[in-house]
PDB file of all heavy atoms in Angstrom:
ATOM      1  N   LYS A   1      93.593  62.672  68.866  1.00  0.00           N
ATOM      2  CA  LYS A   1      92.352  62.385  69.589  1.00  0.00           C
ATOM      3  C   LYS A   1      92.707  62.206  71.059  1.00  0.00           C
ATOM      4  O   LYS A   1      93.813  61.805  71.383  1.00  0.00           O
ATOM      5  CB  LYS A   1      91.696  61.111  69.051  1.00  0.00           C
ATOM      6  CG  LYS A   1      91.279  61.206  67.610  1.00  0.00           C
ATOM      7  CD  LYS A   1      90.721  59.878  67.146  1.00  0.00           C
ATOM      8  CE  LYS A   1      89.468  60.163  66.399  1.00  0.00           C
ATOM      9  NZ  LYS A   1      88.399  59.256  66.619  1.00  0.00           N
ATOM     10  N   ARG A   2      91.754  62.456  71.897  1.00  0.00           N
ATOM     11  CA  ARG A   2      91.971  62.310  73.336  1.00  0.00           C
ATOM     12  C   ARG A   2      90.880  61.438  73.936  1.00  0.00           C
ATOM     13  O   ARG A   2      89.740  61.442  73.484  1.00  0.00           O
ATOM     14  CB  ARG A   2      91.970  63.671  74.016  1.00  0.00           C
ATOM     15  CG  ARG A   2      93.043  64.588  73.458  1.00  0.00           C
ATOM     16  CD  ARG A   2      93.900  65.146  74.545  1.00  0.00           C
ATOM     17  NE  ARG A   2      95.022  65.857  73.981  1.00  0.00           N
ATOM     18  CZ  ARG A   2      96.274  65.550  74.228  1.00  0.00           C
ATOM     19  NH1 ARG A   2      96.564  64.552  75.024  1.00  0.00           N
ATOM     20  NH2 ARG A   2      97.262  66.244  73.707  1.00  0.00           N
ATOM     21  N   SER A   3      91.276  60.719  74.972  1.00  0.00           N
ATOM     22  CA  SER A   3      90.300  59.914  75.701  1.00  0.00           C
ATOM     23  C   SER A   3      89.469  60.824  76.602  1.00  0.00           C
ATOM     24  O   SER A   3      89.746  62.024  76.729  1.00  0.00           O
ATOM     25  CB  SER A   3      91.019  58.856  76.544  1.00  0.00           C
ATOM     26  OG  SER A   3      91.699  59.479  77.617  1.00  0.00           O
ATOM     27  N   PHE A   4      88.498  60.254  77.253  1.00  0.00           N
ATOM     28  CA  PHE A   4      87.644  61.004  78.170  1.00  0.00           C
ATOM     29  C   PHE A   4      88.471  61.698  79.251  1.00  0.00           C
ATOM     30  O   PHE A   4      88.149  62.787  79.685  1.00  0.00           O
ATOM     31  CB  PHE A   4      86.618  60.049  78.797  1.00  0.00           C
ATOM     32  CG  PHE A   4      85.692  60.718  79.761  1.00  0.00           C
ATOM     33  CD1 PHE A   4      84.655  61.520  79.307  1.00  0.00           C
ATOM     34  CD2 PHE A   4      85.855  60.546  81.122  1.00  0.00           C
ATOM     35  CE1 PHE A   4      83.804  62.141  80.203  1.00  0.00           C
ATOM     36  CE2 PHE A   4      84.999  61.159  82.022  1.00  0.00           C
ATOM     37  CZ  PHE A   4      83.966  61.960  81.551  1.00  0.00           C
ATOM     38  N   PHE A   5      89.567  61.061  79.676  1.00  0.00           N
ATOM     39  CA  PHE A   5      90.401  61.611  80.737  1.00  0.00           C
ATOM     40  C   PHE A   5      91.553  62.456  80.207  1.00  0.00           C
ATOM     41  O   PHE A   5      92.440  62.839  80.949  1.00  0.00           O
ATOM     42  CB  PHE A   5      90.956  60.478  81.613  1.00  0.00           C
ATOM     43  CG  PHE A   5      89.868  59.730  82.329  1.00  0.00           C
ATOM     44  CD1 PHE A   5      89.521  58.454  81.934  1.00  0.00           C
ATOM     45  CD2 PHE A   5      89.171  60.314  83.370  1.00  0.00           C
ATOM     46  CE1 PHE A   5      88.510  57.763  82.580  1.00  0.00           C
ATOM     47  CE2 PHE A   5      88.151  59.631  84.011  1.00  0.00           C
ATOM     48  CZ  PHE A   5      87.820  58.352  83.624  1.00  0.00           C
ATOM     49  N   GLY A   6      91.555  62.733  78.904  1.00  0.00           N
ATOM     50  CA  GLY A   6      92.549  63.620  78.326  1.00  0.00           C
ATOM     51  C   GLY A   6      93.803  62.962  77.802  1.00  0.00           C
ATOM     52  O   GLY A   6      94.678  63.641  77.270  1.00  0.00           O
ATOM     53  N   GLN A   7      93.925  61.633  77.945  1.00  0.00           N
ATOM     54  CA  GLN A   7      95.112  60.951  77.447  1.00  0.00           C
ATOM     55  C   GLN A   7      95.044  60.884  75.923  1.00  0.00           C
ATOM     56  O   GLN A   7      94.006  60.591  75.347  1.00  0.00           O
ATOM     57  CB  GLN A   7      95.223  59.534  78.021  1.00  0.00           C
ATOM     58  CG  GLN A   7      96.491  58.826  77.617  1.00  0.00           C
ATOM     59  CD  GLN A   7      96.609  57.442  78.252  1.00  0.00           C
ATOM     60  OE1 GLN A   7      95.616  56.820  78.594  1.00  0.00           O
ATOM     61  NE2 GLN A   7      97.827  56.981  78.400  1.00  0.00           N
ATOM     62  N   ARG A   8      96.196  61.184  75.292  1.00  0.00           N
ATOM     63  CA  ARG A   8      96.252  61.173  73.832  1.00  0.00           C
ATOM     64  C   ARG A   8      96.074  59.752  73.315  1.00  0.00           C
ATOM     65  O   ARG A   8      96.698  58.820  73.793  1.00  0.00           O
ATOM     66  CB  ARG A   8      97.597  61.728  73.355  1.00  0.00           C
ATOM     67  CG  ARG A   8      97.661  61.900  71.853  1.00  0.00           C
ATOM     68  CD  ARG A   8      99.028  62.472  71.439  1.00  0.00           C
ATOM     69  NE  ARG A   8      99.033  62.847  70.052  1.00  0.00           N
ATOM     70  CZ  ARG A   8      99.199  61.989  69.038  1.00  0.00           C
ATOM     71  NH1 ARG A   8      99.349  60.710  69.271  1.00  0.00           N
ATOM     72  NH2 ARG A   8      99.203  62.416  67.798  1.00  0.00           N
ATOM     73  N   LYS A   9      95.217  59.599  72.323  1.00  0.00           N
ATOM     74  CA  LYS A   9      95.018  58.293  71.702  1.00  0.00           C
ATOM     75  C   LYS A   9      96.082  58.091  70.622  1.00  0.00           C
ATOM     76  O   LYS A   9      96.584  59.056  70.049  1.00  0.00           O
ATOM     77  CB  LYS A   9      93.625  58.180  71.089  1.00  0.00           C
ATOM     78  CG  LYS A   9      92.523  58.145  72.132  1.00  0.00           C
ATOM     79  CD  LYS A   9      91.187  57.893  71.490  1.00  0.00           C
ATOM     80  CE  LYS A   9      90.111  57.719  72.545  1.00  0.00           C
ATOM     81  NZ  LYS A   9      88.851  57.276  71.934  1.00  0.00           N
ATOM     82  N   ASP A  10      96.400  56.837  70.333  1.00  0.00           N
ATOM     83  CA  ASP A  10      97.427  56.529  69.354  1.00  0.00           C
ATOM     84  C   ASP A  10      96.925  55.401  68.458  1.00  0.00           C
ATOM     85  O   ASP A  10      95.768  55.010  68.528  1.00  0.00           O
ATOM     86  CB  ASP A  10      98.728  56.146  70.066  1.00  0.00           C
ATOM     87  CG  ASP A  10      99.955  56.527  69.260  1.00  0.00           C
ATOM     88  OD1 ASP A  10     100.031  56.121  68.082  1.00  0.00           O
ATOM     89  OD2 ASP A  10     100.839  57.210  69.790  1.00  0.00           O
ATOM     90  N   TYR A  11      97.834  54.853  67.655  1.00  0.00           N
ATOM     91  CA  TYR A  11      97.432  53.800  66.727  1.00  0.00           C
ATOM     92  C   TYR A  11      96.890  52.577  67.451  1.00  0.00           C
ATOM     93  O   TYR A  11      96.092  51.832  66.893  1.00  0.00           O
ATOM     94  CB  TYR A  11      98.562  53.427  65.761  1.00  0.00           C
ATOM     95  CG  TYR A  11      99.771  52.773  66.386  1.00  0.00           C
ATOM     96  CD1 TYR A  11      99.841  51.391  66.502  1.00  0.00           C
ATOM     97  CD2 TYR A  11     100.844  53.526  66.830  1.00  0.00           C
ATOM     98  CE1 TYR A  11     100.947  50.776  67.059  1.00  0.00           C
ATOM     99  CE2 TYR A  11     101.953  52.919  67.379  1.00  0.00           C
ATOM    100  CZ  TYR A  11     102.006  51.555  67.499  1.00  0.00           C
ATOM    101  OH  TYR A  11     103.094  50.948  68.049  1.00  0.00           O
ATOM    102  N   TRP A  12      97.272  52.353  68.686  1.00  0.00           N
ATOM    103  CA  TRP A  12      96.715  51.259  69.481  1.00  0.00           C
ATOM    104  C   TRP A  12      95.194  51.391  69.550  1.00  0.00           C
ATOM    105  O   TRP A  12      94.460  50.423  69.370  1.00  0.00           O
ATOM    106  CB  TRP A  12      97.337  51.261  70.872  1.00  0.00           C
ATOM    107  CG  TRP A  12      96.567  50.506  71.896  1.00  0.00           C
ATOM    108  CD1 TRP A  12      95.825  51.023  72.918  1.00  0.00           C
ATOM    109  CD2 TRP A  12      96.448  49.074  72.014  1.00  0.00           C
ATOM    110  NE1 TRP A  12      95.257  50.014  73.650  1.00  0.00           N
ATOM    111  CE2 TRP A  12      95.623  48.807  73.119  1.00  0.00           C
ATOM    112  CE3 TRP A  12      96.949  48.007  71.285  1.00  0.00           C
ATOM    113  CZ2 TRP A  12      95.287  47.519  73.520  1.00  0.00           C
ATOM    114  CZ3 TRP A  12      96.616  46.719  71.683  1.00  0.00           C
ATOM    115  CH2 TRP A  12      95.809  46.487  72.796  1.00  0.00           C
ATOM    116  N   ASP A  13      94.720  52.596  69.806  1.00  0.00           N
ATOM    117  CA  ASP A  13      93.286  52.839  69.919  1.00  0.00           C
ATOM    118  C   ASP A  13      92.591  52.622  68.568  1.00  0.00           C
ATOM    119  O   ASP A  13      91.489  52.080  68.518  1.00  0.00           O
ATOM    120  CB  ASP A  13      93.038  54.258  70.435  1.00  0.00           C
ATOM    121  CG  ASP A  13      93.713  54.478  71.780  1.00  0.00           C
ATOM    122  OD1 ASP A  13      93.212  53.954  72.787  1.00  0.00           O
ATOM    123  OD2 ASP A  13      94.767  55.152  71.811  1.00  0.00           O
ATOM    124  N   PHE A  14      93.262  53.037  67.487  1.00  0.00           N
ATOM    125  CA  PHE A  14      92.732  52.791  66.142  1.00  0.00           C
ATOM    126  C   PHE A  14      92.601  51.295  65.882  1.00  0.00           C
ATOM    127  O   PHE A  14      91.573  50.821  65.390  1.00  0.00           O
ATOM    128  CB  PHE A  14      93.651  53.446  65.102  1.00  0.00           C
ATOM    129  CG  PHE A  14      93.436  52.940  63.702  1.00  0.00           C
ATOM    130  CD1 PHE A  14      92.289  53.264  63.005  1.00  0.00           C
ATOM    131  CD2 PHE A  14      94.377  52.127  63.102  1.00  0.00           C
ATOM    132  CE1 PHE A  14      92.081  52.786  61.702  1.00  0.00           C
ATOM    133  CE2 PHE A  14      94.185  51.645  61.809  1.00  0.00           C
ATOM    134  CZ  PHE A  14      93.035  51.977  61.110  1.00  0.00           C
ATOM    135  N   LEU A  15      93.643  50.534  66.241  1.00  0.00           N
ATOM    136  CA  LEU A  15      93.619  49.089  66.024  1.00  0.00           C
ATOM    137  C   LEU A  15      92.528  48.425  66.865  1.00  0.00           C
ATOM    138  O   LEU A  15      91.798  47.570  66.368  1.00  0.00           O
ATOM    139  CB  LEU A  15      94.985  48.477  66.347  1.00  0.00           C
ATOM    140  CG  LEU A  15      96.138  48.905  65.436  1.00  0.00           C
ATOM    141  CD1 LEU A  15      97.473  48.423  66.001  1.00  0.00           C
ATOM    142  CD2 LEU A  15      95.929  48.400  64.019  1.00  0.00           C
ATOM    143  N   CYS A  16      92.411  48.819  68.107  1.00  0.00           N
ATOM    144  CA  CYS A  16      91.366  48.252  68.986  1.00  0.00           C
ATOM    145  C   CYS A  16      89.980  48.508  68.415  1.00  0.00           C
ATOM    146  O   CYS A  16      89.144  47.599  68.360  1.00  0.00           O
ATOM    147  CB  CYS A  16      91.454  48.852  70.380  1.00  0.00           C
ATOM    148  SG  CYS A  16      92.828  48.265  71.359  1.00  0.00           S
ATOM    149  N   GLN A  17      89.728  49.736  67.990  1.00  0.00           N
ATOM    150  CA  GLN A  17      88.418  50.069  67.441  1.00  0.00           C
ATOM    151  C   GLN A  17      88.166  49.300  66.148  1.00  0.00           C
ATOM    152  O   GLN A  17      87.091  48.737  65.950  1.00  0.00           O
ATOM    153  CB  GLN A  17      88.310  51.565  67.178  1.00  0.00           C
ATOM    154  CG  GLN A  17      86.973  51.965  66.568  1.00  0.00           C
ATOM    155  CD  GLN A  17      86.903  53.434  66.250  1.00  0.00           C
ATOM    156  OE1 GLN A  17      87.216  54.265  67.093  1.00  0.00           O
ATOM    157  NE2 GLN A  17      86.485  53.763  65.041  1.00  0.00           N
ATOM    158  N   GLY A  18      89.149  49.266  65.272  1.00  0.00           N
ATOM    159  CA  GLY A  18      88.990  48.577  63.995  1.00  0.00           C
ATOM    160  C   GLY A  18      88.738  47.096  64.153  1.00  0.00           C
ATOM    161  O   GLY A  18      87.887  46.514  63.471  1.00  0.00           O
ATOM    162  N   LEU A  19      89.465  46.471  65.059  1.00  0.00           N
ATOM    163  CA  LEU A  19      89.284  45.032  65.278  1.00  0.00           C
ATOM    164  C   LEU A  19      87.972  44.745  65.998  1.00  0.00           C
ATOM    165  O   LEU A  19      87.322  43.733  65.731  1.00  0.00           O
ATOM    166  CB  LEU A  19      90.476  44.454  66.038  1.00  0.00           C
ATOM    167  CG  LEU A  19      91.767  44.416  65.219  1.00  0.00           C
ATOM    168  CD1 LEU A  19      92.963  44.099  66.105  1.00  0.00           C
ATOM    169  CD2 LEU A  19      91.658  43.417  64.079  1.00  0.00           C
ATOM    170  N   ALA A  20      87.570  45.627  66.894  1.00  0.00           N
ATOM    171  CA  ALA A  20      86.303  45.433  67.606  1.00  0.00           C
ATOM    172  C   ALA A  20      85.120  45.495  66.642  1.00  0.00           C
ATOM    173  O   ALA A  20      84.119  44.805  66.844  1.00  0.00           O
ATOM    174  CB  ALA A  20      86.155  46.489  68.702  1.00  0.00           C
ATOM    175  N   GLN A  21      85.240  46.293  65.592  1.00  0.00           N
ATOM    176  CA  GLN A  21      84.157  46.397  64.616  1.00  0.00           C
ATOM    177  C   GLN A  21      84.032  45.139  63.767  1.00  0.00           C
ATOM    178  O   GLN A  21      82.984  44.866  63.205  1.00  0.00           O
ATOM    179  CB  GLN A  21      84.385  47.590  63.688  1.00  0.00           C
ATOM    180  CG  GLN A  21      84.204  48.921  64.358  1.00  0.00           C
ATOM    181  CD  GLN A  21      84.575  50.081  63.437  1.00  0.00           C
ATOM    182  OE1 GLN A  21      85.217  49.910  62.415  1.00  0.00           O
ATOM    183  NE2 GLN A  21      84.166  51.273  63.826  1.00  0.00           N
ATOM    184  N   ARG A  22      85.102  44.361  63.651  1.00  0.00           N
ATOM    185  CA  ARG A  22      85.131  43.221  62.734  1.00  0.00           C
ATOM    186  C   ARG A  22      85.037  41.856  63.412  1.00  0.00           C
ATOM    187  O   ARG A  22      84.699  40.872  62.795  1.00  0.00           O
ATOM    188  CB  ARG A  22      86.418  43.244  61.913  1.00  0.00           C
ATOM    189  CG  ARG A  22      86.579  44.482  61.106  1.00  0.00           C
ATOM    190  CD  ARG A  22      85.624  44.463  59.955  1.00  0.00           C
ATOM    191  NE  ARG A  22      85.619  45.772  59.304  1.00  0.00           N
ATOM    192  CZ  ARG A  22      84.646  46.201  58.564  1.00  0.00           C
ATOM    193  NH1 ARG A  22      83.598  45.470  58.351  1.00  0.00           N
ATOM    194  NH2 ARG A  22      84.709  47.379  58.013  1.00  0.00           N
ATOM    195  N   ARG A  23      85.408  41.794  64.680  1.00  0.00           N
ATOM    196  CA  ARG A  23      85.471  40.503  65.374  1.00  0.00           C
ATOM    197  C   ARG A  23      84.884  40.632  66.765  1.00  0.00           C
ATOM    198  O   ARG A  23      84.775  41.718  67.302  1.00  0.00           O
ATOM    199  CB  ARG A  23      86.934  40.069  65.547  1.00  0.00           C
ATOM    200  CG  ARG A  23      87.622  39.675  64.298  1.00  0.00           C
ATOM    201  CD  ARG A  23      88.963  39.143  64.685  1.00  0.00           C
ATOM    202  NE  ARG A  23      89.582  38.531  63.515  1.00  0.00           N
ATOM    203  CZ  ARG A  23      90.757  37.975  63.539  1.00  0.00           C
ATOM    204  NH1 ARG A  23      91.453  37.937  64.637  1.00  0.00           N
ATOM    205  NH2 ARG A  23      91.261  37.441  62.456  1.00  0.00           N
ATOM    206  N   GLN A  24      84.629  39.480  67.359  1.00  0.00           N
ATOM    207  CA  GLN A  24      84.222  39.486  68.763  1.00  0.00           C
ATOM    208  C   GLN A  24      85.373  40.008  69.626  1.00  0.00           C
ATOM    209  O   GLN A  24      85.233  40.960  70.341  1.00  0.00           O
ATOM    210  CB  GLN A  24      83.851  38.068  69.212  1.00  0.00           C
ATOM    211  CG  GLN A  24      82.631  37.517  68.539  1.00  0.00           C
ATOM    212  CD  GLN A  24      81.368  38.109  69.107  1.00  0.00           C
ATOM    213  OE1 GLN A  24      81.397  38.788  70.116  1.00  0.00           O
ATOM    214  NE2 GLN A  24      80.256  37.857  68.462  1.00  0.00           N
ATOM    215  N   GLU A  25      86.507  39.319  69.527  1.00  0.00           N
ATOM    216  CA  GLU A  25      87.677  39.726  70.305  1.00  0.00           C
ATOM    217  C   GLU A  25      88.925  39.180  69.624  1.00  0.00           C
ATOM    218  O   GLU A  25      88.942  38.052  69.146  1.00  0.00           O
ATOM    219  CB  GLU A  25      87.576  39.183  71.732  1.00  0.00           C
ATOM    220  CG  GLU A  25      88.583  39.788  72.655  1.00  0.00           C
ATOM    221  CD  GLU A  25      88.343  39.425  74.111  1.00  0.00           C
ATOM    222  OE1 GLU A  25      87.431  38.622  74.389  1.00  0.00           O
ATOM    223  OE2 GLU A  25      89.069  39.937  74.950  1.00  0.00           O
ATOM    224  N   HIS A  26      89.957  39.980  69.597  1.00  0.00           N
ATOM    225  CA  HIS A  26      91.228  39.590  68.989  1.00  0.00           C
ATOM    226  C   HIS A  26      92.149  39.110  70.116  1.00  0.00           C
ATOM    227  O   HIS A  26      92.297  39.786  71.132  1.00  0.00           O
ATOM    228  CB  HIS A  26      91.831  40.793  68.266  1.00  0.00           C
ATOM    229  CG  HIS A  26      93.019  40.470  67.434  1.00  0.00           C
ATOM    230  ND1 HIS A  26      94.264  40.293  67.968  1.00  0.00           N
ATOM    231  CD2 HIS A  26      93.152  40.284  66.104  1.00  0.00           C
ATOM    232  CE1 HIS A  26      95.119  40.023  67.001  1.00  0.00           C
ATOM    233  NE2 HIS A  26      94.461  40.013  65.851  1.00  0.00           N
ATOM    234  N   GLU A  27      92.759  37.951  69.933  1.00  0.00           N
ATOM    235  CA  GLU A  27      93.651  37.396  70.965  1.00  0.00           C
ATOM    236  C   GLU A  27      94.782  38.361  71.305  1.00  0.00           C
ATOM    237  O   GLU A  27      95.192  38.464  72.453  1.00  0.00           O
ATOM    238  CB  GLU A  27      94.231  36.058  70.498  1.00  0.00           C
ATOM    239  CG  GLU A  27      93.249  34.921  70.536  1.00  0.00           C
ATOM    240  CD  GLU A  27      92.808  34.569  71.946  1.00  0.00           C
ATOM    241  OE1 GLU A  27      93.642  34.576  72.876  1.00  0.00           O
ATOM    242  OE2 GLU A  27      91.613  34.288  72.124  1.00  0.00           O
ATOM    243  N   GLY A  28      95.306  39.057  70.299  1.00  0.00           N
ATOM    244  CA  GLY A  28      96.398  40.008  70.536  1.00  0.00           C
ATOM    245  C   GLY A  28      95.968  41.159  71.422  1.00  0.00           C
ATOM    246  O   GLY A  28      96.711  41.584  72.308  1.00  0.00           O
ATOM    247  N   ILE A  29      94.767  41.654  71.207  1.00  0.00           N
ATOM    248  CA  ILE A  29      94.240  42.742  72.045  1.00  0.00           C
ATOM    249  C   ILE A  29      94.065  42.246  73.474  1.00  0.00           C
ATOM    250  O   ILE A  29      94.466  42.914  74.431  1.00  0.00           O
ATOM    251  CB  ILE A  29      92.893  43.265  71.487  1.00  0.00           C
ATOM    252  CG1 ILE A  29      93.041  43.788  70.069  1.00  0.00           C
ATOM    253  CG2 ILE A  29      92.279  44.296  72.424  1.00  0.00           C
ATOM    254  CD1 ILE A  29      93.737  45.093  69.901  1.00  0.00           C
ATOM    255  N   ARG A  30      93.486  41.062  73.606  1.00  0.00           N
ATOM    256  CA  ARG A  30      93.291  40.496  74.946  1.00  0.00           C
ATOM    257  C   ARG A  30      94.635  40.283  75.653  1.00  0.00           C
ATOM    258  O   ARG A  30      94.786  40.607  76.829  1.00  0.00           O
ATOM    259  CB  ARG A  30      92.518  39.182  74.863  1.00  0.00           C
ATOM    260  CG  ARG A  30      92.194  38.635  76.235  1.00  0.00           C
ATOM    261  CD  ARG A  30      91.310  37.422  76.258  1.00  0.00           C
ATOM    262  NE  ARG A  30      91.381  36.588  75.084  1.00  0.00           N
ATOM    263  CZ  ARG A  30      90.337  35.972  74.550  1.00  0.00           C
ATOM    264  NH1 ARG A  30      89.148  36.119  75.074  1.00  0.00           N
ATOM    265  NH2 ARG A  30      90.473  35.196  73.500  1.00  0.00           N
ATOM    266  N   PHE A  31      95.621  39.757  74.919  1.00  0.00           N
ATOM    267  CA  PHE A  31      96.940  39.520  75.507  1.00  0.00           C
ATOM    268  C   PHE A  31      97.578  40.835  75.969  1.00  0.00           C
ATOM    269  O   PHE A  31      98.055  40.935  77.098  1.00  0.00           O
ATOM    270  CB  PHE A  31      97.856  38.822  74.489  1.00  0.00           C
ATOM    271  CG  PHE A  31      99.272  38.694  74.958  1.00  0.00           C
ATOM    272  CD1 PHE A  31      99.620  37.731  75.891  1.00  0.00           C
ATOM    273  CD2 PHE A  31     100.251  39.548  74.483  1.00  0.00           C
ATOM    274  CE1 PHE A  31     100.931  37.622  76.345  1.00  0.00           C
ATOM    275  CE2 PHE A  31     101.559  39.451  74.929  1.00  0.00           C
ATOM    276  CZ  PHE A  31     101.900  38.480  75.861  1.00  0.00           C
ATOM    277  N   VAL A  32      97.570  41.831  75.105  1.00  0.00           N
ATOM    278  CA  VAL A  32      98.227  43.101  75.437  1.00  0.00           C
ATOM    279  C   VAL A  32      97.538  43.794  76.604  1.00  0.00           C
ATOM    280  O   VAL A  32      98.201  44.324  77.501  1.00  0.00           O
ATOM    281  CB  VAL A  32      98.300  44.015  74.194  1.00  0.00           C
ATOM    282  CG1 VAL A  32      98.742  45.420  74.565  1.00  0.00           C
ATOM    283  CG2 VAL A  32      99.240  43.420  73.150  1.00  0.00           C
ATOM    284  N   THR A  33      96.217  43.780  76.635  1.00  0.00           N
ATOM    285  CA  THR A  33      95.518  44.435  77.742  1.00  0.00           C
ATOM    286  C   THR A  33      95.720  43.699  79.063  1.00  0.00           C
ATOM    287  O   THR A  33      95.530  44.285  80.126  1.00  0.00           O
ATOM    288  CB  THR A  33      94.015  44.599  77.454  1.00  0.00           C
ATOM    289  OG1 THR A  33      93.463  43.333  77.121  1.00  0.00           O
ATOM    290  CG2 THR A  33      93.781  45.575  76.320  1.00  0.00           C
ATOM    291  N   SER A  34      96.137  42.444  79.007  1.00  0.00           N
ATOM    292  CA  SER A  34      96.397  41.697  80.245  1.00  0.00           C
ATOM    293  C   SER A  34      97.771  42.026  80.844  1.00  0.00           C
ATOM    294  O   SER A  34      98.036  41.656  81.988  1.00  0.00           O
ATOM    295  CB  SER A  34      96.308  40.186  79.983  1.00  0.00           C
ATOM    296  OG  SER A  34      97.452  39.728  79.290  1.00  0.00           O
ATOM    297  N   LEU A  35      98.607  42.714  80.101  1.00  0.00           N
ATOM    298  CA  LEU A  35      99.956  43.043  80.584  1.00  0.00           C
ATOM    299  C   LEU A  35      99.907  44.322  81.414  1.00  0.00           C
ATOM    300  O   LEU A  35      99.778  45.425  80.882  1.00  0.00           O
ATOM    301  CB  LEU A  35     100.918  43.212  79.399  1.00  0.00           C
ATOM    302  CG  LEU A  35     101.092  41.989  78.498  1.00  0.00           C
ATOM    303  CD1 LEU A  35     101.939  42.342  77.278  1.00  0.00           C
ATOM    304  CD2 LEU A  35     101.719  40.842  79.267  1.00  0.00           C
ATOM    305  N   ASP A  36     100.013  44.162  82.736  1.00  0.00           N
ATOM    306  CA  ASP A  36      99.904  45.300  83.646  1.00  0.00           C
ATOM    307  C   ASP A  36     101.039  46.306  83.500  1.00  0.00           C
ATOM    308  O   ASP A  36     100.886  47.473  83.853  1.00  0.00           O
ATOM    309  CB  ASP A  36      99.854  44.814  85.100  1.00  0.00           C
ATOM    310  CG  ASP A  36      98.598  44.011  85.384  1.00  0.00           C
ATOM    311  OD1 ASP A  36      97.582  44.232  84.696  1.00  0.00           O
ATOM    312  OD2 ASP A  36      98.638  43.157  86.291  1.00  0.00           O
ATOM    313  N   LYS A  37     102.192  45.874  83.003  1.00  0.00           N
ATOM    314  CA  LYS A  37     103.344  46.770  82.885  1.00  0.00           C
ATOM    315  C   LYS A  37     103.155  47.844  81.822  1.00  0.00           C
ATOM    316  O   LYS A  37     103.795  48.881  81.867  1.00  0.00           O
ATOM    317  CB  LYS A  37     104.612  45.972  82.563  1.00  0.00           C
ATOM    318  CG  LYS A  37     105.094  45.099  83.676  1.00  0.00           C
ATOM    319  CD  LYS A  37     106.373  44.390  83.273  1.00  0.00           C
ATOM    320  CE  LYS A  37     106.861  43.505  84.403  1.00  0.00           C
ATOM    321  NZ  LYS A  37     108.110  42.833  84.059  1.00  0.00           N
ATOM    322  N   LEU A  38     102.286  47.580  80.862  1.00  0.00           N
ATOM    323  CA  LEU A  38     102.092  48.532  79.764  1.00  0.00           C
ATOM    324  C   LEU A  38     101.098  49.600  80.181  1.00  0.00           C
ATOM    325  O   LEU A  38      99.933  49.304  80.441  1.00  0.00           O
ATOM    326  CB  LEU A  38     101.612  47.803  78.515  1.00  0.00           C
ATOM    327  CG  LEU A  38     102.558  46.749  77.965  1.00  0.00           C
ATOM    328  CD1 LEU A  38     101.934  46.021  76.792  1.00  0.00           C
ATOM    329  CD2 LEU A  38     103.879  47.375  77.554  1.00  0.00           C
TER     330      LEU A  38
END
């Protein structure tokens, strides 16, 4: 799968979508997205 800008999606995107469907927000997702180095 590809994002709107053409970047290949990976299991990270699957996990984000799956958790977003089940919860308001997952602490792990919030933590990882806050890391600018990634």
